[in-house]
Protein backbone atom coordinates (compact mmCIF):
# COMPACT_ATOMS: atom_id res chain seq x y z
CA MET A 1 -10.97 -4.91 14.20
CA ARG A 2 -9.85 -7.88 12.15
CA VAL A 3 -7.21 -7.19 9.51
CA PRO A 4 -8.17 -8.68 6.11
CA ILE A 5 -5.51 -11.16 4.95
CA SER A 6 -5.23 -13.72 2.18
CA GLU A 7 -5.78 -17.42 2.83
CA TYR A 8 -2.04 -17.95 2.23
CA LEU A 9 -1.10 -15.51 5.02
CA ARG A 10 -3.82 -16.87 7.29
CA ALA A 11 -2.29 -20.38 6.93
CA LEU A 12 1.21 -19.01 7.64
CA ARG A 13 -0.05 -17.18 10.72
CA GLU A 14 -1.62 -20.40 12.02
CA ARG A 15 1.84 -21.98 11.88
CA VAL A 16 4.04 -19.12 13.14
CA GLY A 17 1.70 -17.00 15.26
CA ASP A 18 2.66 -13.34 15.30
CA GLU A 19 6.37 -13.97 14.56
CA LEU A 20 7.99 -11.62 12.05
CA LEU A 21 7.30 -12.52 8.42
CA LEU A 22 9.34 -11.14 5.51
CA LEU A 23 6.87 -10.58 2.66
CA PRO A 24 7.02 -9.40 -0.96
CA ALA A 25 4.68 -6.47 -1.48
CA VAL A 26 3.67 -3.68 -3.82
CA ALA A 27 3.06 0.01 -3.28
CA VAL A 28 1.18 1.72 -6.10
CA LEU A 29 1.70 5.43 -6.75
CA VAL A 30 -1.40 6.41 -8.72
CA TRP A 31 -1.10 9.84 -10.37
CA ASP A 32 -3.72 12.05 -11.98
CA GLU A 33 -3.29 14.53 -14.86
CA ARG A 34 -2.61 17.33 -12.31
CA GLY A 35 0.29 15.43 -10.74
CA ARG A 36 -1.63 14.53 -7.60
CA LEU A 37 -1.14 11.23 -5.77
CA LEU A 38 -4.05 8.96 -4.83
CA LEU A 39 -3.93 7.79 -1.22
CA VAL A 40 -6.33 5.68 0.82
CA LYS A 41 -7.11 5.92 4.52
CA GLU A 42 -6.59 2.53 6.15
CA ARG A 43 -9.52 1.61 8.42
CA GLY A 44 -7.57 0.03 11.28
CA TRP A 45 -5.22 2.93 12.00
CA GLY A 46 -7.12 5.72 10.28
CA LEU A 47 -3.93 6.84 8.52
CA TRP A 48 -3.26 7.66 4.88
CA GLN A 49 -1.20 5.25 2.77
CA THR A 50 -0.54 4.23 -0.80
CA LEU A 51 -2.56 1.53 -2.50
CA GLY A 52 -0.84 -1.81 -2.13
CA GLY A 53 -0.23 -4.92 -0.12
CA ALA A 54 1.34 -8.34 -0.12
CA VAL A 55 2.01 -10.27 -3.31
CA ASP A 56 0.11 -13.57 -3.26
CA PRO A 57 1.70 -16.89 -4.35
CA GLY A 58 1.72 -17.24 -8.14
CA GLU A 59 1.15 -13.50 -8.60
CA SER A 60 3.58 -11.01 -10.14
CA PRO A 61 4.09 -7.60 -8.50
CA GLN A 62 2.22 -6.06 -11.43
CA GLN A 63 -0.75 -8.40 -10.97
CA ALA A 64 -0.75 -7.66 -7.23
CA ALA A 65 -0.77 -3.91 -7.91
CA LEU A 66 -3.79 -4.19 -10.20
CA ARG A 67 -5.64 -6.46 -7.73
CA GLU A 68 -4.95 -4.19 -4.76
CA ALA A 69 -6.21 -1.13 -6.68
CA ARG A 70 -9.48 -2.94 -7.47
CA GLU A 71 -9.87 -4.17 -3.90
CA GLU A 72 -8.94 -1.00 -2.01
CA ALA A 73 -10.25 1.77 -4.29
CA GLY A 74 -12.42 0.15 -6.98
CA VAL A 75 -10.29 1.34 -9.90
CA GLU A 76 -8.59 -0.23 -12.89
CA LEU A 77 -5.05 0.97 -13.54
CA ARG A 78 -2.47 1.18 -16.28
CA LEU A 79 0.94 0.64 -14.75
CA THR A 80 3.50 3.09 -16.15
CA GLY A 81 6.71 1.75 -14.64
CA ILE A 82 8.66 0.46 -11.69
CA ARG A 83 9.93 3.35 -9.55
CA ALA A 84 11.85 1.48 -6.84
CA ALA A 85 12.39 -1.72 -4.90
CA LEU A 86 12.55 -0.96 -1.18
CA GLY A 87 13.06 -2.97 1.98
CA GLY A 88 14.79 -3.16 5.32
CA SER A 89 13.90 -2.59 8.95
CA GLU A 90 12.16 0.71 8.15
CA TYR A 91 9.48 -1.35 6.38
CA ARG A 92 8.62 -3.34 9.49
CA LEU A 93 5.07 -3.03 10.88
CA THR A 94 3.14 -4.43 13.80
CA TYR A 95 -0.57 -4.59 13.02
CA PRO A 96 -3.23 -3.87 15.67
CA ASN A 97 -3.78 -7.64 16.06
CA GLY A 98 -0.07 -8.15 16.91
CA ASP A 99 1.03 -9.63 13.57
CA ARG A 100 4.56 -8.48 12.67
CA VAL A 101 5.75 -8.14 9.07
CA GLU A 102 8.64 -6.66 7.15
CA TYR A 103 7.86 -5.84 3.55
CA VAL A 104 10.12 -5.77 0.50
CA SER A 105 8.09 -3.52 -1.77
CA THR A 106 8.11 -3.03 -5.49
CA VAL A 107 6.94 0.56 -5.99
CA LEU A 108 5.03 1.09 -9.23
CA ASP A 109 3.67 4.23 -10.89
CA ALA A 110 0.19 4.08 -12.42
CA VAL A 111 -2.79 6.01 -13.75
CA VAL A 112 -6.50 5.25 -13.45
CA VAL A 113 -8.06 3.99 -16.68
CA ALA A 114 -11.52 3.00 -15.36
CA GLY A 115 -13.61 3.68 -12.31
CA THR A 116 -13.82 6.45 -9.76
CA PRO A 117 -11.72 5.95 -6.61
CA ALA A 118 -13.88 5.05 -3.63
CA PRO A 119 -13.14 3.34 -0.29
CA ASP A 120 -14.06 -0.34 -0.05
CA GLY A 121 -15.35 0.00 3.53
CA GLU A 122 -13.38 -3.06 4.65
CA GLU A 123 -9.72 -2.10 4.29
CA THR A 124 -10.16 1.56 3.40
CA SER A 125 -12.41 4.27 4.80
CA ALA A 126 -11.55 7.21 2.51
CA VAL A 127 -9.70 8.09 -0.68
CA GLY A 128 -8.12 11.36 -1.72
CA TRP A 129 -5.94 13.02 -4.32
CA PHE A 130 -3.04 15.02 -2.84
CA ALA A 131 -0.48 17.39 -4.31
CA ARG A 132 3.11 16.66 -3.27
CA GLU A 133 3.19 19.76 -1.07
CA GLN A 134 0.19 18.45 0.92
CA LEU A 135 1.78 15.12 1.82
CA ALA A 136 3.96 16.33 4.71
CA ALA A 137 0.90 17.48 6.67
CA LEU A 138 -1.04 14.21 6.33
CA ALA A 139 -1.36 11.69 9.14
CA MET A 140 0.34 8.57 7.75
CA THR A 141 2.35 5.66 9.04
CA GLU A 142 6.10 6.05 9.31
CA PHE A 143 6.27 3.18 6.79
CA THR A 144 4.40 5.28 4.20
CA ARG A 145 6.40 8.42 4.99
CA VAL A 146 9.70 6.55 4.51
CA LEU A 147 8.46 4.84 1.35
CA LEU A 148 7.41 8.15 -0.26
CA ALA A 149 10.75 9.74 0.63
CA GLU A 150 12.85 6.81 -0.61
CA ALA A 151 10.77 6.60 -3.79
CA GLY A 152 11.55 10.27 -4.49
CA VAL A 153 7.99 11.56 -4.04
CA THR A 154 8.70 13.71 -0.98
CA ALA A 155 11.79 15.58 0.18
CA GLY A 156 12.32 13.54 3.34
CA ARG A 157 10.91 12.09 6.50
């Protein structure tokens, strides 16, 4: 399976191959009125994760968060605040195609203002709303598990 990436990242990858890239990113914690968190199932790994991704050149973290929500779940958001800025070796991933990245993520809280969450079929295969107590039992990347713990959503790893 080919991982969807921006033209900017595609050009970088042509120059550096699968070498480690340090990238600015966003993770969007979308909450409903019942306090549940919206997660998407990533198609490549089949694991649950937050909405989000890399920040493109010329784009603010807030703009990236809104774009990623439209792309991955088909929803429009109202951002309600910045929860955390997280990075370090725990945010390092190797994608199925061998590309290695380490993200420095701005974590934003948000609510849906338009649209009904649905998978895009390219990056995401499912969407779901989960109560905090359900999160520990979900199959998710260690990256997502660490991010949710460090952002204060879950009790720990």
